[in-house]
Amino acid sequence: MQRTGCWSSVTPVLLTYEQMCAYGLPATEGKRGDLRWPAFARRYGFDIEHPVQWEVEVLEPDELQRLVLAAVDPYIDRDVLAQQIAREEQQHRALERFAGR
């Protein structure tokens, strides 16, 4: 947001602690110096001196896609999306005509 100045707000999309537990994701060594770690460690009972992290990439691709789509769904303007899909279909037909198909 600060670099482009084009967004009025930014909502992080992340995996929650509860989801990490539910999916049984393995922990890996966390980044030393992450300023968010101490508060997270205290909140969930982790050792502040040994940061850990979890990567969403270990989820099955279909499940990761489902989670991302569910997170962004409330922000989708269905009218704008329908207009864009129609425009892309029109462009696709024009390209097919141009290519002689």
PDB file of N, CA and C in Angstrom:
ATOM      1  N   MET A   1       0.827  -1.181   0.000  1.00  0.00           N
ATOM      2  CA  MET A   1       0.000   0.000   0.000  1.00  0.00           C
ATOM      3  C   MET A   1       0.872   1.246   0.000  1.00  0.00           C
ATOM      4  N   GLN A   2       1.932   1.264   0.807  1.00  0.00           N
ATOM      5  CA  GLN A   2       2.779   2.443   0.866  1.00  0.00           C
ATOM      6  C   GLN A   2       3.581   2.614  -0.409  1.00  0.00           C
ATOM      7  N   ARG A   3       3.963   1.509  -1.054  1.00  0.00           N
ATOM      8  CA  ARG A   3       4.799   1.628  -2.246  1.00  0.00           C
ATOM      9  C   ARG A   3       4.014   2.109  -3.454  1.00  0.00           C
ATOM     10  N   THR A   4       2.759   1.692  -3.593  1.00  0.00           N
ATOM     11  CA  THR A   4       2.009   2.046  -4.792  1.00  0.00           C
ATOM     12  C   THR A   4       1.026   3.185  -4.571  1.00  0.00           C
ATOM     13  N   GLY A   5       0.502   3.284  -3.366  1.00  0.00           N
ATOM     14  CA  GLY A   5      -0.469   4.319  -3.081  1.00  0.00           C
ATOM     15  C   GLY A   5      -1.820   4.092  -3.750  1.00  0.00           C
ATOM     16  N   CYS A   6      -2.046   2.884  -4.296  1.00  0.00           N
ATOM     17  CA  CYS A   6      -3.285   2.654  -5.041  1.00  0.00           C
ATOM     18  C   CYS A   6      -4.343   1.897  -4.242  1.00  0.00           C
ATOM     19  N   TRP A   7      -4.034   1.483  -3.025  1.00  0.00           N
ATOM     20  CA  TRP A   7      -5.001   0.724  -2.236  1.00  0.00           C
ATOM     21  C   TRP A   7      -5.487   1.570  -1.073  1.00  0.00           C
ATOM     22  N   SER A   8      -6.790   1.546  -0.820  1.00  0.00           N
ATOM     23  CA  SER A   8      -7.318   2.290   0.317  1.00  0.00           C
ATOM     24  C   SER A   8      -7.132   1.515   1.608  1.00  0.00           C
ATOM     25  N   SER A   9      -7.050   0.185   1.502  1.00  0.00           N
ATOM     26  CA  SER A   9      -6.783  -0.651   2.673  1.00  0.00           C
ATOM     27  C   SER A   9      -6.222  -1.987   2.198  1.00  0.00           C
ATOM     28  N   VAL A  10      -5.554  -2.663   3.099  1.00  0.00           N
ATOM     29  CA  VAL A  10      -4.979  -3.972   2.805  1.00  0.00           C
ATOM     30  C   VAL A  10      -5.412  -4.922   3.916  1.00  0.00           C
ATOM     31  N   THR A  11      -5.937  -6.081   3.539  1.00  0.00           N
ATOM     32  CA  THR A  11      -6.330  -7.092   4.497  1.00  0.00           C
ATOM     33  C   THR A  11      -5.435  -8.309   4.291  1.00  0.00           C
ATOM     34  N   PRO A  12      -4.597  -8.648   5.277  1.00  0.00           N
ATOM     35  CA  PRO A  12      -3.735  -9.818   5.107  1.00  0.00           C
ATOM     36  C   PRO A  12      -4.564 -11.096   5.014  1.00  0.00           C
ATOM     37  N   VAL A  13      -4.120 -11.999   4.176  1.00  0.00           N
ATOM     38  CA  VAL A  13      -4.732 -13.321   4.075  1.00  0.00           C
ATOM     39  C   VAL A  13      -3.684 -14.292   4.593  1.00  0.00           C
ATOM     40  N   LEU A  14      -4.003 -14.992   5.664  1.00  0.00           N
ATOM     41  CA  LEU A  14      -3.028 -15.864   6.272  1.00  0.00           C
ATOM     42  C   LEU A  14      -3.689 -17.091   6.857  1.00  0.00           C
ATOM     43  N   LEU A  15      -2.869 -18.039   7.215  1.00  0.00           N
ATOM     44  CA  LEU A  15      -3.331 -19.249   7.862  1.00  0.00           C
ATOM     45  C   LEU A  15      -3.408 -18.962   9.357  1.00  0.00           C
ATOM     46  N   THR A  16      -4.525 -19.266   9.973  1.00  0.00           N
ATOM     47  CA  THR A  16      -4.671 -19.011  11.402  1.00  0.00           C
ATOM     48  C   THR A  16      -4.027 -20.130  12.211  1.00  0.00           C
ATOM     49  N   TYR A  17      -3.777 -19.849  13.467  1.00  0.00           N
ATOM     50  CA  TYR A  17      -3.230 -20.857  14.372  1.00  0.00           C
ATOM     51  C   TYR A  17      -4.181 -22.056  14.458  1.00  0.00           C
ATOM     52  N   GLU A  18      -5.469 -21.771  14.509  1.00  0.00           N
ATOM     53  CA  GLU A  18      -6.460 -22.837  14.597  1.00  0.00           C
ATOM     54  C   GLU A  18      -6.429 -23.731  13.351  1.00  0.00           C
ATOM     55  N   GLN A  19      -6.260 -23.123  12.165  1.00  0.00           N
ATOM     56  CA  GLN A  19      -6.164 -23.909  10.934  1.00  0.00           C
ATOM     57  C   GLN A  19      -4.888 -24.739  10.931  1.00  0.00           C
ATOM     58  N   MET A  20      -3.787 -24.168  11.402  1.00  0.00           N
ATOM     59  CA  MET A  20      -2.536 -24.898  11.468  1.00  0.00           C
ATOM     60  C   MET A  20      -2.705 -26.152  12.316  1.00  0.00           C
ATOM     61  N   CYS A  21      -3.376 -26.012  13.450  1.00  0.00           N
ATOM     62  CA  CYS A  21      -3.626 -27.167  14.321  1.00  0.00           C
ATOM     63  C   CYS A  21      -4.555 -28.170  13.641  1.00  0.00           C
ATOM     64  N   ALA A  22      -5.631 -27.675  13.033  1.00  0.00           N
ATOM     65  CA  ALA A  22      -6.607 -28.560  12.396  1.00  0.00           C
ATOM     66  C   ALA A  22      -5.990 -29.355  11.247  1.00  0.00           C
ATOM     67  N   TYR A  23      -5.094 -28.744  10.487  1.00  0.00           N
ATOM     68  CA  TYR A  23      -4.459 -29.424   9.364  1.00  0.00           C
ATOM     69  C   TYR A  23      -3.244 -30.243   9.796  1.00  0.00           C
ATOM     70  N   GLY A  24      -2.807 -30.062  11.036  1.00  0.00           N
ATOM     71  CA  GLY A  24      -1.642 -30.791  11.521  1.00  0.00           C
ATOM     72  C   GLY A  24      -0.372 -30.441  10.761  1.00  0.00           C
ATOM     73  N   LEU A  25      -0.193 -29.155  10.441  1.00  0.00           N
ATOM     74  CA  LEU A  25       0.964 -28.737   9.654  1.00  0.00           C
ATOM     75  C   LEU A  25       2.244 -28.817  10.476  1.00  0.00           C
ATOM     76  N   PRO A  26       3.334 -29.274   9.861  1.00  0.00           N
ATOM     77  CA  PRO A  26       4.602 -29.349  10.588  1.00  0.00           C
ATOM     78  C   PRO A  26       5.234 -27.966  10.753  1.00  0.00           C
ATOM     79  N   ALA A  27       5.856 -27.767  11.894  1.00  0.00           N
ATOM     80  CA  ALA A  27       6.550 -26.502  12.154  1.00  0.00           C
ATOM     81  C   ALA A  27       7.972 -26.591  11.620  1.00  0.00           C
ATOM     82  N   THR A  28       8.476 -25.460  11.155  1.00  0.00           N
ATOM     83  CA  THR A  28       9.872 -25.347  10.752  1.00  0.00           C
ATOM     84  C   THR A  28      10.499 -24.229  11.570  1.00  0.00           C
ATOM     85  N   GLU A  29      11.818 -24.152  11.555  1.00  0.00           N
ATOM     86  CA  GLU A  29      12.492 -23.105  12.311  1.00  0.00           C
ATOM     87  C   GLU A  29      12.059 -21.740  11.805  1.00  0.00           C
ATOM     88  N   GLY A  30      11.702 -20.878  12.727  1.00  0.00           N
ATOM     89  CA  GLY A  30      11.242 -19.547  12.371  1.00  0.00           C
ATOM     90  C   GLY A  30      12.383 -18.576  12.156  1.00  0.00           C
ATOM     91  N   LYS A  31      12.028 -17.384  11.749  1.00  0.00           N
ATOM     92  CA  LYS A  31      13.005 -16.347  11.456  1.00  0.00           C
ATOM     93  C   LYS A  31      13.381 -15.607  12.743  1.00  0.00           C
ATOM     94  N   ARG A  32      14.640 -15.638  13.053  1.00  0.00           N
ATOM     95  CA  ARG A  32      15.123 -14.884  14.215  1.00  0.00           C
ATOM     96  C   ARG A  32      14.951 -13.388  13.918  1.00  0.00           C
ATOM     97  N   GLY A  33      14.519 -12.659  14.915  1.00  0.00           N
ATOM     98  CA  GLY A  33      14.353 -11.221  14.737  1.00  0.00           C
ATOM     99  C   GLY A  33      12.973 -10.811  14.244  1.00  0.00           C
ATOM    100  N   ASP A  34      12.063 -11.778  14.015  1.00  0.00           N
ATOM    101  CA  ASP A  34      10.695 -11.430  13.607  1.00  0.00           C
ATOM    102  C   ASP A  34      10.025 -10.745  14.786  1.00  0.00           C
ATOM    103  N   LEU A  35       9.691  -9.491  14.622  1.00  0.00           N
ATOM    104  CA  LEU A  35       9.133  -8.701  15.719  1.00  0.00           C
ATOM    105  C   LEU A  35       7.765  -9.194  16.185  1.00  0.00           C
ATOM    106  N   ARG A  36       7.089  -9.989  15.355  1.00  0.00           N
ATOM    107  CA  ARG A  36       5.759 -10.496  15.737  1.00  0.00           C
ATOM    108  C   ARG A  36       5.847 -11.742  16.608  1.00  0.00           C
ATOM    109  N   TRP A  37       7.004 -12.429  16.581  1.00  0.00           N
ATOM    110  CA  TRP A  37       7.125 -13.711  17.260  1.00  0.00           C
ATOM    111  C   TRP A  37       6.886 -13.649  18.774  1.00  0.00           C
ATOM    112  N   PRO A  38       7.480 -12.750  19.530  1.00  0.00           N
ATOM    113  CA  PRO A  38       7.277 -12.791  20.988  1.00  0.00           C
ATOM    114  C   PRO A  38       5.806 -12.752  21.407  1.00  0.00           C
ATOM    115  N   ALA A  39       5.025 -11.878  20.806  1.00  0.00           N
ATOM    116  CA  ALA A  39       3.600 -11.796  21.170  1.00  0.00           C
ATOM    117  C   ALA A  39       2.871 -13.076  20.788  1.00  0.00           C
ATOM    118  N   PHE A  40       3.180 -13.626  19.599  1.00  0.00           N
ATOM    119  CA  PHE A  40       2.559 -14.876  19.161  1.00  0.00           C
ATOM    120  C   PHE A  40       2.938 -16.003  20.110  1.00  0.00           C
ATOM    121  N   ALA A  41       4.225 -16.075  20.469  1.00  0.00           N
ATOM    122  CA  ALA A  41       4.707 -17.139  21.358  1.00  0.00           C
ATOM    123  C   ALA A  41       4.019 -17.069  22.717  1.00  0.00           C
ATOM    124  N   ARG A  42       3.913 -15.875  23.272  1.00  0.00           N
ATOM    125  CA  ARG A  42       3.233 -15.730  24.563  1.00  0.00           C
ATOM    126  C   ARG A  42       1.758 -16.126  24.457  1.00  0.00           C
ATOM    127  N   ARG A  43       1.121 -15.696  23.381  1.00  0.00           N
ATOM    128  CA  ARG A  43      -0.316 -15.974  23.230  1.00  0.00           C
ATOM    129  C   ARG A  43      -0.610 -17.465  23.133  1.00  0.00           C
ATOM    130  N   TYR A  44       0.259 -18.211  22.428  1.00  0.00           N
ATOM    131  CA  TYR A  44      -0.018 -19.627  22.182  1.00  0.00           C
ATOM    132  C   TYR A  44       0.907 -20.573  22.942  1.00  0.00           C
ATOM    133  N   GLY A  45       1.710 -20.051  23.852  1.00  0.00           N
ATOM    134  CA  GLY A  45       2.509 -20.897  24.722  1.00  0.00           C
ATOM    135  C   GLY A  45       3.764 -21.488  24.096  1.00  0.00           C
ATOM    136  N   PHE A  46       4.379 -20.776  23.163  1.00  0.00           N
ATOM    137  CA  PHE A  46       5.627 -21.241  22.559  1.00  0.00           C
ATOM    138  C   PHE A  46       6.822 -20.616  23.273  1.00  0.00           C
ATOM    139  N   ASP A  47       7.988 -21.221  23.059  1.00  0.00           N
ATOM    140  CA  ASP A  47       9.236 -20.717  23.620  1.00  0.00           C
ATOM    141  C   ASP A  47       9.670 -19.492  22.812  1.00  0.00           C
ATOM    142  N   ILE A  48       9.763 -18.356  23.462  1.00  0.00           N
ATOM    143  CA  ILE A  48      10.126 -17.112  22.773  1.00  0.00           C
ATOM    144  C   ILE A  48      11.516 -17.208  22.152  1.00  0.00           C
ATOM    145  N   GLU A  49      12.392 -17.992  22.758  1.00  0.00           N
ATOM    146  CA  GLU A  49      13.773 -18.106  22.273  1.00  0.00           C
ATOM    147  C   GLU A  49      13.915 -19.013  21.054  1.00  0.00           C
ATOM    148  N   HIS A  50      12.884 -19.760  20.713  1.00  0.00           N
ATOM    149  CA  HIS A  50      12.956 -20.712  19.590  1.00  0.00           C
ATOM    150  C   HIS A  50      11.777 -20.488  18.640  1.00  0.00           C
ATOM    151  N   PRO A  51      11.878 -19.481  17.766  1.00  0.00           N
ATOM    152  CA  PRO A  51      10.756 -19.198  16.852  1.00  0.00           C
ATOM    153  C   PRO A  51      10.519 -20.341  15.871  1.00  0.00           C
ATOM    154  N   VAL A  52       9.270 -20.578  15.594  1.00  0.00           N
ATOM    155  CA  VAL A  52       8.862 -21.564  14.588  1.00  0.00           C
ATOM    156  C   VAL A  52       7.881 -20.900  13.637  1.00  0.00           C
ATOM    157  N   GLN A  53       7.689 -21.533  12.500  1.00  0.00           N
ATOM    158  CA  GLN A  53       6.729 -21.028  11.517  1.00  0.00           C
ATOM    159  C   GLN A  53       6.121 -22.199  10.781  1.00  0.00           C
ATOM    160  N   TRP A  54       5.027 -21.920  10.097  1.00  0.00           N
ATOM    161  CA  TRP A  54       4.324 -22.925   9.308  1.00  0.00           C
ATOM    162  C   TRP A  54       4.122 -22.365   7.912  1.00  0.00           C
ATOM    163  N   GLU A  55       4.262 -23.208   6.920  1.00  0.00           N
ATOM    164  CA  GLU A  55       4.150 -22.780   5.525  1.00  0.00           C
ATOM    165  C   GLU A  55       2.870 -23.330   4.915  1.00  0.00           C
ATOM    166  N   VAL A  56       2.093 -22.461   4.277  1.00  0.00           N
ATOM    167  CA  VAL A  56       0.847 -22.912   3.646  1.00  0.00           C
ATOM    168  C   VAL A  56       1.119 -23.804   2.443  1.00  0.00           C
ATOM    169  N   GLU A  57       2.340 -23.755   1.908  1.00  0.00           N
ATOM    170  CA  GLU A  57       2.667 -24.541   0.719  1.00  0.00           C
ATOM    171  C   GLU A  57       2.566 -26.043   0.958  1.00  0.00           C
ATOM    172  N   VAL A  58       2.534 -26.481   2.225  1.00  0.00           N
ATOM    173  CA  VAL A  58       2.425 -27.911   2.488  1.00  0.00           C
ATOM    174  C   VAL A  58       0.981 -28.408   2.370  1.00  0.00           C
ATOM    175  N   LEU A  59       0.034 -27.486   2.272  1.00  0.00           N
ATOM    176  CA  LEU A  59      -1.362 -27.887   2.058  1.00  0.00           C
ATOM    177  C   LEU A  59      -1.538 -28.427   0.642  1.00  0.00           C
ATOM    178  N   GLU A  60      -2.522 -29.286   0.473  1.00  0.00           N
ATOM    179  CA  GLU A  60      -2.866 -29.756  -0.867  1.00  0.00           C
ATOM    180  C   GLU A  60      -3.273 -28.532  -1.701  1.00  0.00           C
ATOM    181  N   PRO A  61      -2.854 -28.463  -2.958  1.00  0.00           N
ATOM    182  CA  PRO A  61      -3.170 -27.290  -3.788  1.00  0.00           C
ATOM    183  C   PRO A  61      -4.665 -26.972  -3.845  1.00  0.00           C
ATOM    184  N   ASP A  62      -5.514 -27.976  -3.950  1.00  0.00           N
ATOM    185  CA  ASP A  62      -6.958 -27.723  -4.006  1.00  0.00           C
ATOM    186  C   ASP A  62      -7.470 -27.084  -2.716  1.00  0.00           C
ATOM    187  N   GLU A  63      -6.936 -27.532  -1.589  1.00  0.00           N
ATOM    188  CA  GLU A  63      -7.370 -26.975  -0.307  1.00  0.00           C
ATOM    189  C   GLU A  63      -6.844 -25.550  -0.138  1.00  0.00           C
ATOM    190  N   LEU A  64      -5.613 -25.303  -0.540  1.00  0.00           N
ATOM    191  CA  LEU A  64      -5.067 -23.952  -0.474  1.00  0.00           C
ATOM    192  C   LEU A  64      -5.883 -23.009  -1.353  1.00  0.00           C
ATOM    193  N   GLN A  65      -6.240 -23.461  -2.554  1.00  0.00           N
ATOM    194  CA  GLN A  65      -7.068 -22.642  -3.445  1.00  0.00           C
ATOM    195  C   GLN A  65      -8.425 -22.360  -2.802  1.00  0.00           C
ATOM    196  N   ARG A  66      -9.022 -23.360  -2.174  1.00  0.00           N
ATOM    197  CA  ARG A  66     -10.321 -23.173  -1.514  1.00  0.00           C
ATOM    198  C   ARG A  66     -10.221 -22.122  -0.414  1.00  0.00           C
ATOM    199  N   LEU A  67      -9.150 -22.187   0.393  1.00  0.00           N
ATOM    200  CA  LEU A  67      -8.975 -21.226   1.489  1.00  0.00           C
ATOM    201  C   LEU A  67      -8.781 -19.803   0.964  1.00  0.00           C
ATOM    202  N   VAL A  68      -7.973 -19.661  -0.086  1.00  0.00           N
ATOM    203  CA  VAL A  68      -7.728 -18.328  -0.642  1.00  0.00           C
ATOM    204  C   VAL A  68      -9.007 -17.762  -1.242  1.00  0.00           C
ATOM    205  N   LEU A  69      -9.718 -18.569  -2.013  1.00  0.00           N
ATOM    206  CA  LEU A  69     -10.960 -18.084  -2.620  1.00  0.00           C
ATOM    207  C   LEU A  69     -11.987 -17.702  -1.555  1.00  0.00           C
ATOM    208  N   ALA A  70     -12.069 -18.468  -0.477  1.00  0.00           N
ATOM    209  CA  ALA A  70     -13.001 -18.139   0.611  1.00  0.00           C
ATOM    210  C   ALA A  70     -12.601 -16.824   1.276  1.00  0.00           C
ATOM    211  N   ALA A  71     -11.290 -16.564   1.377  1.00  0.00           N
ATOM    212  CA  ALA A  71     -10.823 -15.337   2.025  1.00  0.00           C
ATOM    213  C   ALA A  71     -11.093 -14.102   1.176  1.00  0.00           C
ATOM    214  N   VAL A  72     -11.001 -14.217  -0.153  1.00  0.00           N
ATOM    215  CA  VAL A  72     -11.192 -13.037  -1.003  1.00  0.00           C
ATOM    216  C   VAL A  72     -12.635 -12.870  -1.472  1.00  0.00           C
ATOM    217  N   ASP A  73     -13.446 -13.902  -1.334  1.00  0.00           N
ATOM    218  CA  ASP A  73     -14.827 -13.859  -1.830  1.00  0.00           C
ATOM    219  C   ASP A  73     -15.625 -12.643  -1.361  1.00  0.00           C
ATOM    220  N   PRO A  74     -15.530 -12.246  -0.086  1.00  0.00           N
ATOM    221  CA  PRO A  74     -16.328 -11.079   0.348  1.00  0.00           C
ATOM    222  C   PRO A  74     -15.958  -9.779  -0.361  1.00  0.00           C
ATOM    223  N   TYR A  75     -14.796  -9.723  -1.002  1.00  0.00           N
ATOM    224  CA  TYR A  75     -14.324  -8.494  -1.620  1.00  0.00           C
ATOM    225  C   TYR A  75     -14.577  -8.441  -3.122  1.00  0.00           C
ATOM    226  N   ILE A  76     -15.160  -9.496  -3.675  1.00  0.00           N
ATOM    227  CA  ILE A  76     -15.367  -9.557  -5.121  1.00  0.00           C
ATOM    228  C   ILE A  76     -16.650  -8.823  -5.497  1.00  0.00           C
ATOM    229  N   ASP A  77     -16.540  -7.900  -6.415  1.00  0.00           N
ATOM    230  CA  ASP A  77     -17.700  -7.202  -6.967  1.00  0.00           C
ATOM    231  C   ASP A  77     -18.201  -8.055  -8.137  1.00  0.00           C
ATOM    232  N   ARG A  78     -19.301  -8.734  -7.946  1.00  0.00           N
ATOM    233  CA  ARG A  78     -19.807  -9.701  -8.938  1.00  0.00           C
ATOM    234  C   ARG A  78     -20.146  -9.030 -10.276  1.00  0.00           C
ATOM    235  N   ASP A  79     -20.630  -7.812 -10.250  1.00  0.00           N
ATOM    236  CA  ASP A  79     -20.946  -7.117 -11.500  1.00  0.00           C
ATOM    237  C   ASP A  79     -19.682  -6.837 -12.298  1.00  0.00           C
ATOM    238  N   VAL A  80     -18.656  -6.345 -11.625  1.00  0.00           N
ATOM    239  CA  VAL A  80     -17.390  -6.067 -12.299  1.00  0.00           C
ATOM    240  C   VAL A  80     -16.773  -7.366 -12.821  1.00  0.00           C
ATOM    241  N   LEU A  81     -16.841  -8.417 -12.030  1.00  0.00           N
ATOM    242  CA  LEU A  81     -16.303  -9.709 -12.457  1.00  0.00           C
ATOM    243  C   LEU A  81     -17.024 -10.213 -13.700  1.00  0.00           C
ATOM    244  N   ALA A  82     -18.342 -10.129 -13.725  1.00  0.00           N
ATOM    245  CA  ALA A  82     -19.111 -10.583 -14.886  1.00  0.00           C
ATOM    246  C   ALA A  82     -18.754  -9.762 -16.130  1.00  0.00           C
ATOM    247  N   GLN A  83     -18.592  -8.470 -15.961  1.00  0.00           N
ATOM    248  CA  GLN A  83     -18.208  -7.611 -17.092  1.00  0.00           C
ATOM    249  C   GLN A  83     -16.821  -8.000 -17.615  1.00  0.00           C
ATOM    250  N   GLN A  84     -15.899  -8.262 -16.712  1.00  0.00           N
ATOM    251  CA  GLN A  84     -14.540  -8.625 -17.123  1.00  0.00           C
ATOM    252  C   GLN A  84     -14.522  -9.974 -17.827  1.00  0.00           C
ATOM    253  N   ILE A  85     -15.283 -10.935 -17.322  1.00  0.00           N
ATOM    254  CA  ILE A  85     -15.353 -12.251 -17.969  1.00  0.00           C
ATOM    255  C   ILE A  85     -15.926 -12.112 -19.370  1.00  0.00           C
ATOM    256  N   ALA A  86     -16.990 -11.321 -19.525  1.00  0.00           N
ATOM    257  CA  ALA A  86     -17.584 -11.105 -20.842  1.00  0.00           C
ATOM    258  C   ALA A  86     -16.581 -10.448 -21.787  1.00  0.00           C
ATOM    259  N   ARG A  87     -15.825  -9.480 -21.283  1.00  0.00           N
ATOM    260  CA  ARG A  87     -14.811  -8.803 -22.100  1.00  0.00           C
ATOM    261  C   ARG A  87     -13.719  -9.784 -22.538  1.00  0.00           C
ATOM    262  N   GLU A  88     -13.269 -10.637 -21.621  1.00  0.00           N
ATOM    263  CA  GLU A  88     -12.236 -11.616 -21.966  1.00  0.00           C
ATOM    264  C   GLU A  88     -12.749 -12.632 -22.987  1.00  0.00           C
ATOM    265  N   GLU A  89     -14.005 -13.044 -22.858  1.00  0.00           N
ATOM    266  CA  GLU A  89     -14.588 -13.974 -23.835  1.00  0.00           C
ATOM    267  C   GLU A  89     -14.663 -13.314 -25.212  1.00  0.00           C
ATOM    268  N   GLN A  90     -15.024 -12.046 -25.247  1.00  0.00           N
ATOM    269  CA  GLN A  90     -15.084 -11.307 -26.512  1.00  0.00           C
ATOM    270  C   GLN A  90     -13.687 -11.223 -27.132  1.00  0.00           C
ATOM    271  N   GLN A  91     -12.681 -10.928 -26.339  1.00  0.00           N
ATOM    272  CA  GLN A  91     -11.311 -10.862 -26.837  1.00  0.00           C
ATOM    273  C   GLN A  91     -10.842 -12.237 -27.339  1.00  0.00           C
ATOM    274  N   HIS A  92     -11.225 -13.284 -26.645  1.00  0.00           N
ATOM    275  CA  HIS A  92     -10.851 -14.643 -27.050  1.00  0.00           C
ATOM    276  C   HIS A  92     -11.455 -14.976 -28.417  1.00  0.00           C
ATOM    277  N   ARG A  93     -12.720 -14.625 -28.600  1.00  0.00           N
ATOM    278  CA  ARG A  93     -13.375 -14.877 -29.904  1.00  0.00           C
ATOM    279  C   ARG A  93     -12.683 -14.074 -31.007  1.00  0.00           C
ATOM    280  N   ALA A  94     -12.320 -12.820 -30.717  1.00  0.00           N
ATOM    281  CA  ALA A  94     -11.642 -11.984 -31.713  1.00  0.00           C
ATOM    282  C   ALA A  94     -10.287 -12.588 -32.088  1.00  0.00           C
ATOM    283  N   LEU A  95      -9.565 -13.111 -31.119  1.00  0.00           N
ATOM    284  CA  LEU A  95      -8.276 -13.752 -31.409  1.00  0.00           C
ATOM    285  C   LEU A  95      -8.456 -15.017 -32.238  1.00  0.00           C
ATOM    286  N   GLU A  96      -9.508 -15.775 -31.937  1.00  0.00           N
ATOM    287  CA  GLU A  96      -9.771 -16.984 -32.740  1.00  0.00           C
ATOM    288  C   GLU A  96     -10.098 -16.618 -34.177  1.00  0.00           C
ATOM    289  N   ARG A  97     -10.889 -15.563 -34.388  1.00  0.00           N
ATOM    290  CA  ARG A  97     -11.204 -15.114 -35.751  1.00  0.00           C
ATOM    291  C   ARG A  97      -9.932 -14.668 -36.454  1.00  0.00           C
ATOM    292  N   PHE A  98      -9.087 -13.925 -35.737  1.00  0.00           N
ATOM    293  CA  PHE A  98      -7.851 -13.433 -36.318  1.00  0.00           C
ATOM    294  C   PHE A  98      -6.929 -14.604 -36.722  1.00  0.00           C
ATOM    295  N   ALA A  99      -6.921 -15.642 -35.896  1.00  0.00           N
ATOM    296  CA  ALA A  99      -6.067 -16.799 -36.176  1.00  0.00           C
ATOM    297  C   ALA A  99      -6.693 -17.731 -37.237  1.00  0.00           C
ATOM    298  N   GLY A 100      -7.897 -17.432 -37.659  1.00  0.00           N
ATOM    299  CA  GLY A 100      -8.538 -18.227 -38.693  1.00  0.00           C
ATOM    300  C   GLY A 100      -9.192 -19.512 -38.214  1.00  0.00           C
ATOM    301  N   ARG A 101      -9.594 -19.542 -36.996  1.00  0.00           N
ATOM    302  CA  ARG A 101     -10.244 -20.760 -36.473  1.00  0.00           C
ATOM    303  C   ARG A 101     -11.742 -20.632 -36.508  1.00  0.00           C
TER     304      ARG A 101
END
